[in-house]
PDB file of N, CA and C in Angstrom:
ATOM      1  N   MET A   1      31.754 -10.291  -6.699  1.00  0.00           N
ATOM      2  CA  MET A   1      32.436  -9.502  -5.758  1.00  0.00           C
ATOM      3  C   MET A   1      31.962 -10.044  -4.366  1.00  0.00           C
ATOM      4  N   LEU A   2      32.999 -10.326  -3.617  1.00  0.00           N
ATOM      5  CA  LEU A   2      32.639 -10.679  -2.124  1.00  0.00           C
ATOM      6  C   LEU A   2      32.649  -9.310  -1.514  1.00  0.00           C
ATOM      7  N   PHE A   3      31.962  -9.598  -0.324  1.00  0.00           N
ATOM      8  CA  PHE A   3      31.958  -8.402   0.758  1.00  0.00           C
ATOM      9  C   PHE A   3      33.240  -8.267   1.506  1.00  0.00           C
ATOM     10  N   ARG A   4      33.777  -7.072   1.554  1.00  0.00           N
ATOM     11  CA  ARG A   4      35.035  -7.020   2.148  1.00  0.00           C
ATOM     12  C   ARG A   4      34.751  -7.131   3.631  1.00  0.00           C
ATOM     13  N   SER A   5      33.510  -7.129   4.136  1.00  0.00           N
ATOM     14  CA  SER A   5      33.275  -7.258   5.620  1.00  0.00           C
ATOM     15  C   SER A   5      31.865  -7.712   5.599  1.00  0.00           C
ATOM     16  N   GLU A   6      31.687  -8.825   6.326  1.00  0.00           N
ATOM     17  CA  GLU A   6      30.315  -9.192   6.655  1.00  0.00           C
ATOM     18  C   GLU A   6      29.705  -8.270   7.511  1.00  0.00           C
ATOM     19  N   SER A   7      30.374  -7.405   8.320  1.00  0.00           N
ATOM     20  CA  SER A   7      29.796  -6.269   9.094  1.00  0.00           C
ATOM     21  C   SER A   7      29.191  -5.163   8.307  1.00  0.00           C
ATOM     22  N   LEU A   8      29.809  -4.853   7.145  1.00  0.00           N
ATOM     23  CA  LEU A   8      29.277  -3.797   6.170  1.00  0.00           C
ATOM     24  C   LEU A   8      28.061  -4.508   5.757  1.00  0.00           C
ATOM     25  N   ARG A   9      27.881  -5.745   5.391  1.00  0.00           N
ATOM     26  CA  ARG A   9      26.761  -6.269   4.757  1.00  0.00           C
ATOM     27  C   ARG A   9      25.582  -6.414   5.717  1.00  0.00           C
ATOM     28  N   SER A  10      25.981  -6.569   7.031  1.00  0.00           N
ATOM     29  CA  SER A  10      24.999  -6.621   8.084  1.00  0.00           C
ATOM     30  C   SER A  10      24.341  -5.341   8.280  1.00  0.00           C
ATOM     31  N   ASP A  11      25.344  -4.187   8.310  1.00  0.00           N
ATOM     32  CA  ASP A  11      24.847  -2.960   8.551  1.00  0.00           C
ATOM     33  C   ASP A  11      24.102  -2.415   7.334  1.00  0.00           C
ATOM     34  N   ARG A  12      24.223  -2.865   6.139  1.00  0.00           N
ATOM     35  CA  ARG A  12      23.451  -2.477   4.969  1.00  0.00           C
ATOM     36  C   ARG A  12      22.238  -3.067   5.118  1.00  0.00           C
ATOM     37  N   VAL A  13      22.060  -4.397   5.452  1.00  0.00           N
ATOM     38  CA  VAL A  13      20.854  -5.066   5.606  1.00  0.00           C
ATOM     39  C   VAL A  13      19.756  -4.226   6.486  1.00  0.00           C
ATOM     40  N   SER A  14      20.187  -3.971   7.697  1.00  0.00           N
ATOM     41  CA  SER A  14      19.424  -3.230   8.595  1.00  0.00           C
ATOM     42  C   SER A  14      18.973  -1.916   8.070  1.00  0.00           C
ATOM     43  N   ALA A  15      19.931  -0.954   7.652  1.00  0.00           N
ATOM     44  CA  ALA A  15      19.575   0.120   7.274  1.00  0.00           C
ATOM     45  C   ALA A  15      18.681   0.263   5.926  1.00  0.00           C
ATOM     46  N   TYR A  16      19.189  -0.692   5.074  1.00  0.00           N
ATOM     47  CA  TYR A  16      18.302  -0.653   3.658  1.00  0.00           C
ATOM     48  C   TYR A  16      16.898  -1.168   3.865  1.00  0.00           C
ATOM     49  N   LYS A  17      16.749  -1.945   4.892  1.00  0.00           N
ATOM     50  CA  LYS A  17      15.161  -2.425   5.041  1.00  0.00           C
ATOM     51  C   LYS A  17      14.448  -1.139   5.488  1.00  0.00           C
ATOM     52  N   LEU A  18      15.006  -0.406   6.180  1.00  0.00           N
ATOM     53  CA  LEU A  18      14.096   0.916   6.486  1.00  0.00           C
ATOM     54  C   LEU A  18      13.911   1.740   5.396  1.00  0.00           C
ATOM     55  N   LEU A  19      14.931   1.849   4.547  1.00  0.00           N
ATOM     56  CA  LEU A  19      14.939   2.652   3.444  1.00  0.00           C
ATOM     57  C   LEU A  19      13.800   2.143   2.410  1.00  0.00           C
ATOM     58  N   TRP A  20      13.886   0.719   2.229  1.00  0.00           N
ATOM     59  CA  TRP A  20      13.157  -0.012   1.207  1.00  0.00           C
ATOM     60  C   TRP A  20      11.539   0.201   1.662  1.00  0.00           C
ATOM     61  N   LYS A  21      11.202   0.167   2.811  1.00  0.00           N
ATOM     62  CA  LYS A  21      10.080   0.390   3.245  1.00  0.00           C
ATOM     63  C   LYS A  21       9.327   1.829   3.162  1.00  0.00           C
ATOM     64  N   LYS A  22      10.393   2.794   3.240  1.00  0.00           N
ATOM     65  CA  LYS A  22      10.028   4.215   2.950  1.00  0.00           C
ATOM     66  C   LYS A  22       9.546   4.508   1.618  1.00  0.00           C
ATOM     67  N   THR A  23      10.123   3.593   0.735  1.00  0.00           N
ATOM     68  CA  THR A  23       9.837   3.973  -0.667  1.00  0.00           C
ATOM     69  C   THR A  23       8.534   3.302  -1.220  1.00  0.00           C
ATOM     70  N   SER A  24       7.889   2.693  -0.213  1.00  0.00           N
ATOM     71  CA  SER A  24       6.481   1.988  -0.504  1.00  0.00           C
ATOM     72  C   SER A  24       5.376   3.070  -0.747  1.00  0.00           C
ATOM     73  N   LEU A  25       5.705   4.167  -0.526  1.00  0.00           N
ATOM     74  CA  LEU A  25       4.715   5.429  -0.685  1.00  0.00           C
ATOM     75  C   LEU A  25       4.171   5.177  -2.156  1.00  0.00           C
ATOM     76  N   LEU A  26       4.821   4.808  -3.067  1.00  0.00           N
ATOM     77  CA  LEU A  26       4.416   4.896  -4.442  1.00  0.00           C
ATOM     78  C   LEU A  26       4.549   3.515  -5.104  1.00  0.00           C
ATOM     79  N   PRO A  27       3.478   2.477  -4.813  1.00  0.00           N
ATOM     80  CA  PRO A  27       3.609   1.121  -5.295  1.00  0.00           C
ATOM     81  C   PRO A  27       3.300   1.104  -6.802  1.00  0.00           C
ATOM     82  N   LEU A  28       3.610   0.138  -7.564  1.00  0.00           N
ATOM     83  CA  LEU A  28       3.123  -0.023  -8.886  1.00  0.00           C
ATOM     84  C   LEU A  28       1.800  -0.621  -8.798  1.00  0.00           C
ATOM     85  N   TRP A  29       1.726  -1.696  -7.936  1.00  0.00           N
ATOM     86  CA  TRP A  29       0.429  -2.497  -7.662  1.00  0.00           C
ATOM     87  C   TRP A  29       0.090  -2.464  -6.300  1.00  0.00           C
ATOM     88  N   PRO A  30      -1.214  -2.169  -5.783  1.00  0.00           N
ATOM     89  CA  PRO A  30      -1.963  -1.245  -6.799  1.00  0.00           C
ATOM     90  C   PRO A  30      -1.456   0.173  -6.529  1.00  0.00           C
ATOM     91  N   ARG A  31      -1.827   1.068  -7.288  1.00  0.00           N
ATOM     92  CA  ARG A  31      -1.174   2.468  -7.268  1.00  0.00           C
ATOM     93  C   ARG A  31      -1.856   3.056  -6.124  1.00  0.00           C
ATOM     94  N   ALA A  32      -1.257   3.888  -5.442  1.00  0.00           N
ATOM     95  CA  ALA A  32      -1.625   4.628  -4.270  1.00  0.00           C
ATOM     96  C   ALA A  32      -2.519   5.805  -4.832  1.00  0.00           C
ATOM     97  N   THR A  33      -3.703   6.159  -4.216  1.00  0.00           N
ATOM     98  CA  THR A  33      -4.562   7.186  -4.699  1.00  0.00           C
ATOM     99  C   THR A  33      -4.480   8.434  -3.896  1.00  0.00           C
ATOM    100  N   ASP A  34      -3.752   8.386  -2.834  1.00  0.00           N
ATOM    101  CA  ASP A  34      -3.666   9.345  -1.823  1.00  0.00           C
ATOM    102  C   ASP A  34      -2.229  10.072  -1.726  1.00  0.00           C
ATOM    103  N   VAL A  35      -1.539  10.036  -2.754  1.00  0.00           N
ATOM    104  CA  VAL A  35      -0.232  10.936  -2.779  1.00  0.00           C
ATOM    105  C   VAL A  35      -0.338  12.305  -3.127  1.00  0.00           C
ATOM    106  N   THR A  36      -0.018  13.177  -2.109  1.00  0.00           N
ATOM    107  CA  THR A  36      -0.280  14.489  -2.200  1.00  0.00           C
ATOM    108  C   THR A  36       1.118  15.240  -2.347  1.00  0.00           C
ATOM    109  N   TYR A  37       1.256  16.454  -2.728  1.00  0.00           N
ATOM    110  CA  TYR A  37       2.470  17.213  -2.707  1.00  0.00           C
ATOM    111  C   TYR A  37       3.080  17.284  -1.190  1.00  0.00           C
ATOM    112  N   GLU A  38       2.136  17.230  -0.300  1.00  0.00           N
ATOM    113  CA  GLU A  38       2.444  17.357   1.096  1.00  0.00           C
ATOM    114  C   GLU A  38       3.167  16.117   1.542  1.00  0.00           C
ATOM    115  N   ARG A  39       2.446  15.052   1.167  1.00  0.00           N
ATOM    116  CA  ARG A  39       3.015  13.631   1.577  1.00  0.00           C
ATOM    117  C   ARG A  39       4.527  13.596   0.809  1.00  0.00           C
ATOM    118  N   LEU A  40       4.567  14.130  -0.501  1.00  0.00           N
ATOM    119  CA  LEU A  40       5.897  13.862  -1.030  1.00  0.00           C
ATOM    120  C   LEU A  40       6.949  14.610  -0.365  1.00  0.00           C
ATOM    121  N   SER A  41       6.572  15.924   0.100  1.00  0.00           N
ATOM    122  CA  SER A  41       7.458  16.752   1.111  1.00  0.00           C
ATOM    123  C   SER A  41       7.769  16.088   2.331  1.00  0.00           C
ATOM    124  N   ASP A  42       7.063  15.319   2.920  1.00  0.00           N
ATOM    125  CA  ASP A  42       7.209  14.655   4.118  1.00  0.00           C
ATOM    126  C   ASP A  42       8.192  13.481   3.706  1.00  0.00           C
ATOM    127  N   PHE A  43       7.993  12.835   2.593  1.00  0.00           N
ATOM    128  CA  PHE A  43       8.726  11.510   2.222  1.00  0.00           C
ATOM    129  C   PHE A  43      10.263  12.087   1.839  1.00  0.00           C
ATOM    130  N   ARG A  44      10.152  13.372   1.287  1.00  0.00           N
ATOM    131  CA  ARG A  44      11.733  13.832   0.994  1.00  0.00           C
ATOM    132  C   ARG A  44      12.428  13.912   2.413  1.00  0.00           C
ATOM    133  N   ARG A  45      11.799  14.544   3.292  1.00  0.00           N
ATOM    134  CA  ARG A  45      12.311  14.870   4.538  1.00  0.00           C
ATOM    135  C   ARG A  45      12.771  13.453   5.332  1.00  0.00           C
ATOM    136  N   ASP A  46      11.821  12.552   5.180  1.00  0.00           N
ATOM    137  CA  ASP A  46      12.201  11.170   5.640  1.00  0.00           C
ATOM    138  C   ASP A  46      13.419  10.615   5.192  1.00  0.00           C
ATOM    139  N   LEU A  47      13.451  10.640   3.897  1.00  0.00           N
ATOM    140  CA  LEU A  47      14.622  10.230   3.176  1.00  0.00           C
ATOM    141  C   LEU A  47      15.885  10.836   3.675  1.00  0.00           C
ATOM    142  N   ARG A  48      15.801  12.150   3.723  1.00  0.00           N
ATOM    143  CA  ARG A  48      16.959  12.795   4.159  1.00  0.00           C
ATOM    144  C   ARG A  48      17.418  12.386   5.605  1.00  0.00           C
ATOM    145  N   ASP A  49      16.428  12.388   6.506  1.00  0.00           N
ATOM    146  CA  ASP A  49      16.594  12.003   7.939  1.00  0.00           C
ATOM    147  C   ASP A  49      17.256  10.553   7.915  1.00  0.00           C
ATOM    148  N   TRP A  50      16.852   9.571   7.154  1.00  0.00           N
ATOM    149  CA  TRP A  50      17.357   8.312   7.011  1.00  0.00           C
ATOM    150  C   TRP A  50      18.830   8.449   6.523  1.00  0.00           C
ATOM    151  N   TYR A  51      19.013   9.158   5.602  1.00  0.00           N
ATOM    152  CA  TYR A  51      20.419   9.430   4.891  1.00  0.00           C
ATOM    153  C   TYR A  51      21.367   9.865   6.194  1.00  0.00           C
ATOM    154  N   PHE A  52      20.966  10.624   6.818  1.00  0.00           N
ATOM    155  CA  PHE A  52      22.020  11.315   7.870  1.00  0.00           C
ATOM    156  C   PHE A  52      22.041  10.439   9.117  1.00  0.00           C
ATOM    157  N   ASN A  53      21.029   9.792   9.373  1.00  0.00           N
ATOM    158  CA  ASN A  53      20.831   9.200  10.803  1.00  0.00           C
ATOM    159  C   ASN A  53      21.020   7.626  10.730  1.00  0.00           C
ATOM    160  N   ASP A  54      20.695   6.965   9.502  1.00  0.00           N
ATOM    161  CA  ASP A  54      20.795   5.527   9.532  1.00  0.00           C
ATOM    162  C   ASP A  54      21.616   4.837   8.470  1.00  0.00           C
ATOM    163  N   GLY A  55      21.792   5.424   7.377  1.00  0.00           N
ATOM    164  CA  GLY A  55      22.386   4.567   6.285  1.00  0.00           C
ATOM    165  C   GLY A  55      23.042   5.281   5.051  1.00  0.00           C
ATOM    166  N   GLY A  56      22.994   6.587   5.018  1.00  0.00           N
ATOM    167  CA  GLY A  56      23.679   7.166   3.831  1.00  0.00           C
ATOM    168  C   GLY A  56      25.089   6.895   3.569  1.00  0.00           C
ATOM    169  N   TRP A  57      25.691   6.599   4.817  1.00  0.00           N
ATOM    170  CA  TRP A  57      27.226   6.258   4.784  1.00  0.00           C
ATOM    171  C   TRP A  57      27.471   4.937   4.202  1.00  0.00           C
ATOM    172  N   LEU A  58      26.376   4.057   3.959  1.00  0.00           N
ATOM    173  CA  LEU A  58      26.510   2.557   3.651  1.00  0.00           C
ATOM    174  C   LEU A  58      26.478   2.580   2.127  1.00  0.00           C
ATOM    175  N   PHE A  59      25.993   3.535   1.437  1.00  0.00           N
ATOM    176  CA  PHE A  59      25.592   3.537  -0.112  1.00  0.00           C
ATOM    177  C   PHE A  59      26.905   3.273  -0.762  1.00  0.00           C
ATOM    178  N   SER A  60      26.850   2.418  -1.830  1.00  0.00           N
ATOM    179  CA  SER A  60      27.891   2.299  -2.900  1.00  0.00           C
ATOM    180  C   SER A  60      27.670   3.655  -3.770  1.00  0.00           C
ATOM    181  N   THR A  61      28.645   4.002  -4.564  1.00  0.00           N
ATOM    182  CA  THR A  61      28.456   5.041  -5.496  1.00  0.00           C
ATOM    183  C   THR A  61      27.174   5.143  -6.233  1.00  0.00           C
ATOM    184  N   GLU A  62      26.892   3.936  -6.808  1.00  0.00           N
ATOM    185  CA  GLU A  62      25.664   3.786  -7.600  1.00  0.00           C
ATOM    186  C   GLU A  62      24.502   3.882  -6.791  1.00  0.00           C
ATOM    187  N   ALA A  63      24.334   3.529  -5.697  1.00  0.00           N
ATOM    188  CA  ALA A  63      23.203   3.511  -4.887  1.00  0.00           C
ATOM    189  C   ALA A  63      22.895   5.053  -4.347  1.00  0.00           C
ATOM    190  N   ARG A  64      24.095   5.703  -4.055  1.00  0.00           N
ATOM    191  CA  ARG A  64      24.109   7.188  -3.671  1.00  0.00           C
ATOM    192  C   ARG A  64      23.584   8.167  -4.936  1.00  0.00           C
ATOM    193  N   GLN A  65      23.876   7.738  -6.049  1.00  0.00           N
ATOM    194  CA  GLN A  65      23.543   8.289  -7.372  1.00  0.00           C
ATOM    195  C   GLN A  65      22.075   8.232  -7.607  1.00  0.00           C
ATOM    196  N   ALA A  66      21.477   7.116  -7.317  1.00  0.00           N
ATOM    197  CA  ALA A  66      20.067   6.694  -7.420  1.00  0.00           C
ATOM    198  C   ALA A  66      19.307   7.429  -6.370  1.00  0.00           C
ATOM    199  N   TYR A  67      19.836   7.571  -5.130  1.00  0.00           N
ATOM    200  CA  TYR A  67      19.321   8.373  -4.105  1.00  0.00           C
ATOM    201  C   TYR A  67      19.152   9.754  -4.371  1.00  0.00           C
ATOM    202  N   GLU A  68      20.307  10.284  -4.917  1.00  0.00           N
ATOM    203  CA  GLU A  68      20.400  11.795  -5.375  1.00  0.00           C
ATOM    204  C   GLU A  68      19.400  11.896  -6.531  1.00  0.00           C
ATOM    205  N   ALA A  69      19.222  11.199  -7.389  1.00  0.00           N
ATOM    206  CA  ALA A  69      18.288  11.148  -8.649  1.00  0.00           C
ATOM    207  C   ALA A  69      16.835  11.338  -8.007  1.00  0.00           C
ATOM    208  N   LEU A  70      16.502  10.465  -7.067  1.00  0.00           N
ATOM    209  CA  LEU A  70      15.156  10.526  -6.597  1.00  0.00           C
ATOM    210  C   LEU A  70      15.018  11.961  -5.783  1.00  0.00           C
ATOM    211  N   GLN A  71      16.034  12.285  -4.949  1.00  0.00           N
ATOM    212  CA  GLN A  71      15.919  13.582  -4.161  1.00  0.00           C
ATOM    213  C   GLN A  71      15.617  14.741  -5.252  1.00  0.00           C
ATOM    214  N   ASN A  72      16.439  14.788  -6.237  1.00  0.00           N
ATOM    215  CA  ASN A  72      16.388  15.957  -7.029  1.00  0.00           C
ATOM    216  C   ASN A  72      15.051  15.839  -7.966  1.00  0.00           C
ATOM    217  N   LEU A  73      14.554  14.810  -8.250  1.00  0.00           N
ATOM    218  CA  LEU A  73      13.069  14.694  -8.828  1.00  0.00           C
ATOM    219  C   LEU A  73      12.222  15.307  -7.832  1.00  0.00           C
ATOM    220  N   LEU A  74      12.164  14.741  -6.698  1.00  0.00           N
ATOM    221  CA  LEU A  74      11.132  15.064  -5.622  1.00  0.00           C
ATOM    222  C   LEU A  74      11.166  16.606  -5.285  1.00  0.00           C
ATOM    223  N   GLU A  75      12.411  17.256  -5.411  1.00  0.00           N
ATOM    224  CA  GLU A  75      12.482  18.589  -5.224  1.00  0.00           C
ATOM    225  C   GLU A  75      11.721  19.223  -6.508  1.00  0.00           C
ATOM    226  N   GLU A  76      11.991  18.868  -7.776  1.00  0.00           N
ATOM    227  CA  GLU A  76      11.509  19.422  -8.866  1.00  0.00           C
ATOM    228  C   GLU A  76      10.009  19.402  -8.924  1.00  0.00           C
ATOM    229  N   VAL A  77       9.411  18.194  -8.518  1.00  0.00           N
ATOM    230  CA  VAL A  77       7.889  18.113  -8.450  1.00  0.00           C
ATOM    231  C   VAL A  77       7.285  18.892  -7.406  1.00  0.00           C
ATOM    232  N   ILE A  78       7.958  18.905  -6.163  1.00  0.00           N
ATOM    233  CA  ILE A  78       7.350  19.741  -5.168  1.00  0.00           C
ATOM    234  C   ILE A  78       7.549  21.217  -5.401  1.00  0.00           C
ATOM    235  N   MET A  79       8.685  21.678  -6.023  1.00  0.00           N
ATOM    236  CA  MET A  79       8.760  23.085  -6.237  1.00  0.00           C
ATOM    237  C   MET A  79       7.842  23.426  -7.612  1.00  0.00           C
ATOM    238  N   GLY A  80       7.462  22.635  -8.311  1.00  0.00           N
ATOM    239  CA  GLY A  80       6.738  22.942  -9.611  1.00  0.00           C
ATOM    240  C   GLY A  80       5.266  23.172  -9.397  1.00  0.00           C
ATOM    241  N   GLU A  81       4.466  23.175 -10.554  1.00  0.00           N
ATOM    242  CA  GLU A  81       3.144  23.641 -10.521  1.00  0.00           C
ATOM    243  C   GLU A  81       2.378  22.398  -9.863  1.00  0.00           C
ATOM    244  N   VAL A  82       1.772  23.041  -8.771  1.00  0.00           N
ATOM    245  CA  VAL A  82       0.810  22.115  -8.087  1.00  0.00           C
ATOM    246  C   VAL A  82      -0.562  22.022  -8.339  1.00  0.00           C
ATOM    247  N   THR A  83      -1.147  20.806  -8.527  1.00  0.00           N
ATOM    248  CA  THR A  83      -2.679  20.679  -9.076  1.00  0.00           C
ATOM    249  C   THR A  83      -3.738  21.361  -7.708  1.00  0.00           C
ATOM    250  N   ALA A  84      -4.745  21.822  -8.258  1.00  0.00           N
ATOM    251  CA  ALA A  84      -5.670  22.291  -7.391  1.00  0.00           C
ATOM    252  C   ALA A  84      -6.028  21.504  -6.277  1.00  0.00           C
ATOM    253  N   ASP A  85      -6.263  20.204  -6.399  1.00  0.00           N
ATOM    254  CA  ASP A  85      -6.686  19.352  -5.522  1.00  0.00           C
ATOM    255  C   ASP A  85      -5.391  18.730  -4.546  1.00  0.00           C
ATOM    256  N   GLY A  86      -4.240  19.186  -4.771  1.00  0.00           N
ATOM    257  CA  GLY A  86      -3.085  18.813  -4.063  1.00  0.00           C
ATOM    258  C   GLY A  86      -2.545  17.220  -4.422  1.00  0.00           C
ATOM    259  N   GLN A  87      -3.365  16.667  -5.194  1.00  0.00           N
ATOM    260  CA  GLN A  87      -2.900  15.439  -5.567  1.00  0.00           C
ATOM    261  C   GLN A  87      -1.773  15.341  -6.871  1.00  0.00           C
ATOM    262  N   ILE A  88      -0.721  14.566  -6.663  1.00  0.00           N
ATOM    263  CA  ILE A  88       0.188  14.504  -7.753  1.00  0.00           C
ATOM    264  C   ILE A  88      -0.229  14.004  -8.993  1.00  0.00           C
ATOM    265  N   LYS A  89       0.291  14.466 -10.026  1.00  0.00           N
ATOM    266  CA  LYS A  89      -0.181  14.062 -11.474  1.00  0.00           C
ATOM    267  C   LYS A  89       0.305  12.576 -11.607  1.00  0.00           C
ATOM    268  N   PRO A  90      -0.435  11.813 -12.565  1.00  0.00           N
ATOM    269  CA  PRO A  90      -0.100  10.544 -12.949  1.00  0.00           C
ATOM    270  C   PRO A  90       1.333  10.376 -13.359  1.00  0.00           C
ATOM    271  N   ASP A  91       1.689  11.368 -14.352  1.00  0.00           N
ATOM    272  CA  ASP A  91       3.152  11.185 -14.898  1.00  0.00           C
ATOM    273  C   ASP A  91       4.180  11.536 -13.760  1.00  0.00           C
ATOM    274  N   GLN A  92       3.711  12.394 -12.704  1.00  0.00           N
ATOM    275  CA  GLN A  92       4.784  12.562 -11.686  1.00  0.00           C
ATOM    276  C   GLN A  92       4.832  11.246 -10.769  1.00  0.00           C
ATOM    277  N   TYR A  93       3.764  10.788 -10.520  1.00  0.00           N
ATOM    278  CA  TYR A  93       3.620   9.388  -9.738  1.00  0.00           C
ATOM    279  C   TYR A  93       4.597   8.386 -10.498  1.00  0.00           C
ATOM    280  N   ASP A  94       4.375   8.105 -11.737  1.00  0.00           N
ATOM    281  CA  ASP A  94       5.337   7.219 -12.387  1.00  0.00           C
ATOM    282  C   ASP A  94       6.732   7.622 -12.452  1.00  0.00           C
ATOM    283  N   ALA A  95       6.985   8.841 -12.512  1.00  0.00           N
ATOM    284  CA  ALA A  95       8.476   9.303 -12.535  1.00  0.00           C
ATOM    285  C   ALA A  95       9.115   8.884 -11.270  1.00  0.00           C
ATOM    286  N   ILE A  96       8.388   9.160 -10.243  1.00  0.00           N
ATOM    287  CA  ILE A  96       8.953   9.057  -8.886  1.00  0.00           C
ATOM    288  C   ILE A  96       8.973   7.694  -8.407  1.00  0.00           C
ATOM    289  N   ARG A  97       7.947   6.937  -8.910  1.00  0.00           N
ATOM    290  CA  ARG A  97       7.935   5.699  -8.684  1.00  0.00           C
ATOM    291  C   ARG A  97       8.992   4.749  -9.413  1.00  0.00           C
ATOM    292  N   ASN A  98       9.452   5.357 -10.538  1.00  0.00           N
ATOM    293  CA  ASN A  98      10.456   4.838 -11.355  1.00  0.00           C
ATOM    294  C   ASN A  98      11.882   4.918 -10.513  1.00  0.00           C
ATOM    295  N   LYS A  99      12.060   6.199 -10.012  1.00  0.00           N
ATOM    296  CA  LYS A  99      13.298   6.509  -9.285  1.00  0.00           C
ATOM    297  C   LYS A  99      13.276   5.823  -8.003  1.00  0.00           C
ATOM    298  N   CYS A 100      12.228   5.478  -7.381  1.00  0.00           N
ATOM    299  CA  CYS A 100      12.233   4.701  -6.153  1.00  0.00           C
ATOM    300  C   CYS A 100      12.582   3.156  -6.628  1.00  0.00           C
ATOM    301  N   SER A 101      12.128   2.648  -7.656  1.00  0.00           N
ATOM    302  CA  SER A 101      12.676   1.436  -8.158  1.00  0.00           C
ATOM    303  C   SER A 101      14.002   1.269  -8.475  1.00  0.00           C
ATOM    304  N   ALA A 102      14.538   2.262  -9.130  1.00  0.00           N
ATOM    305  CA  ALA A 102      15.998   2.280  -9.476  1.00  0.00           C
ATOM    306  C   ALA A 102      16.750   2.258  -8.197  1.00  0.00           C
ATOM    307  N   LEU A 103      16.371   3.132  -7.159  1.00  0.00           N
ATOM    308  CA  LEU A 103      17.093   3.164  -5.890  1.00  0.00           C
ATOM    309  C   LEU A 103      17.039   1.706  -5.236  1.00  0.00           C
ATOM    310  N   ARG A 104      15.973   0.833  -5.268  1.00  0.00           N
ATOM    311  CA  ARG A 104      15.889  -0.346  -4.663  1.00  0.00           C
ATOM    312  C   ARG A 104      16.639  -1.335  -5.337  1.00  0.00           C
ATOM    313  N   THR A 105      16.786  -1.092  -6.791  1.00  0.00           N
ATOM    314  CA  THR A 105      17.575  -2.066  -7.530  1.00  0.00           C
ATOM    315  C   THR A 105      19.104  -1.756  -7.090  1.00  0.00           C
ATOM    316  N   GLU A 106      19.558  -0.628  -6.793  1.00  0.00           N
ATOM    317  CA  GLU A 106      20.910  -0.332  -6.263  1.00  0.00           C
ATOM    318  C   GLU A 106      20.985  -0.936  -5.048  1.00  0.00           C
ATOM    319  N   LEU A 107      20.144  -1.021  -4.026  1.00  0.00           N
ATOM    320  CA  LEU A 107      20.214  -1.501  -2.807  1.00  0.00           C
ATOM    321  C   LEU A 107      20.372  -3.017  -2.968  1.00  0.00           C
ATOM    322  N   THR A 108      19.644  -3.576  -3.860  1.00  0.00           N
ATOM    323  CA  THR A 108      19.813  -5.109  -3.913  1.00  0.00           C
ATOM    324  C   THR A 108      21.071  -5.394  -4.569  1.00  0.00           C
ATOM    325  N   ASN A 109      21.805  -4.630  -5.434  1.00  0.00           N
ATOM    326  CA  ASN A 109      23.014  -4.696  -5.959  1.00  0.00           C
ATOM    327  C   ASN A 109      24.127  -4.664  -4.826  1.00  0.00           C
ATOM    328  N   ASP A 110      23.967  -3.820  -3.983  1.00  0.00           N
ATOM    329  CA  ASP A 110      24.856  -3.632  -2.978  1.00  0.00           C
ATOM    330  C   ASP A 110      24.908  -4.709  -2.091  1.00  0.00           C
ATOM    331  N   LEU A 111      23.693  -5.206  -1.842  1.00  0.00           N
ATOM    332  CA  LEU A 111      23.513  -6.358  -0.914  1.00  0.00           C
ATOM    333  C   LEU A 111      23.796  -7.777  -1.565  1.00  0.00           C
ATOM    334  N   GLN A 112      23.828  -7.621  -3.017  1.00  0.00           N
ATOM    335  CA  GLN A 112      24.136  -8.975  -3.626  1.00  0.00           C
ATOM    336  C   GLN A 112      22.964  -9.859  -3.278  1.00  0.00           C
ATOM    337  N   SER A 113      21.682  -9.383  -3.176  1.00  0.00           N
ATOM    338  CA  SER A 113      20.523 -10.194  -2.695  1.00  0.00           C
ATOM    339  C   SER A 113      19.840 -10.875  -3.767  1.00  0.00           C
ATOM    340  N   ARG A 114      19.991 -10.649  -4.964  1.00  0.00           N
ATOM    341  CA  ARG A 114      19.434 -11.068  -6.043  1.00  0.00           C
ATOM    342  C   ARG A 114      20.124 -11.960  -7.029  1.00  0.00           C
ATOM    343  N   LYS A 115      21.446 -12.284  -6.395  1.00  0.00           N
ATOM    344  CA  LYS A 115      22.252 -13.198  -6.843  1.00  0.00           C
ATOM    345  C   LYS A 115      22.072 -14.761  -6.612  1.00  0.00           C
ATOM    346  N   ARG A 116      21.802 -15.561  -7.498  1.00  0.00           N
ATOM    347  CA  ARG A 116      21.546 -17.067  -7.219  1.00  0.00           C
ATOM    348  C   ARG A 116      22.619 -17.616  -6.409  1.00  0.00           C
ATOM    349  N   ALA A 117      23.823 -17.371  -6.647  1.00  0.00           N
ATOM    350  CA  ALA A 117      25.143 -17.975  -5.768  1.00  0.00           C
ATOM    351  C   ALA A 117      24.863 -17.638  -4.376  1.00  0.00           C
ATOM    352  N   MET A 118      24.345 -16.578  -4.025  1.00  0.00           N
ATOM    353  CA  MET A 118      24.360 -16.327  -2.549  1.00  0.00           C
ATOM    354  C   MET A 118      23.624 -17.252  -1.638  1.00  0.00           C
ATOM    355  N   PHE A 119      22.514 -17.915  -2.186  1.00  0.00           N
ATOM    356  CA  PHE A 119      21.706 -18.953  -1.632  1.00  0.00           C
ATOM    357  C   PHE A 119      21.933 -20.279  -1.835  1.00  0.00           C
ATOM    358  N   VAL A 120      23.046 -20.509  -2.470  1.00  0.00           N
ATOM    359  CA  VAL A 120      23.700 -22.062  -2.848  1.00  0.00           C
ATOM    360  C   VAL A 120      24.462 -22.323  -1.536  1.00  0.00           C
TER     361      VAL A 120
END
């Protein structure tokens, strides 16, 4: 699939860079050890602000669905049972990290940035 507009691709690259960086809160390697429910709440608001101010309108249907799945999981975790020390549970970390990864995959699909032909 070719981009209908190089302008769309350019806009996506700029906006998606910001979103990609925001999802670094929960890396696979090395795992972050300071992720609290409070930080997740801030993360959720940051994502919302990005969506309305920077790039939500640029999403493909699949990227928007991945974004929504992440936001829904964040709400579920934040509104659920909180640990005494405020740190999220390992299974919550993994679940949220996986949703962040799925969103990043859709961003790369939107940009076609992992297709070999793009660099030929």
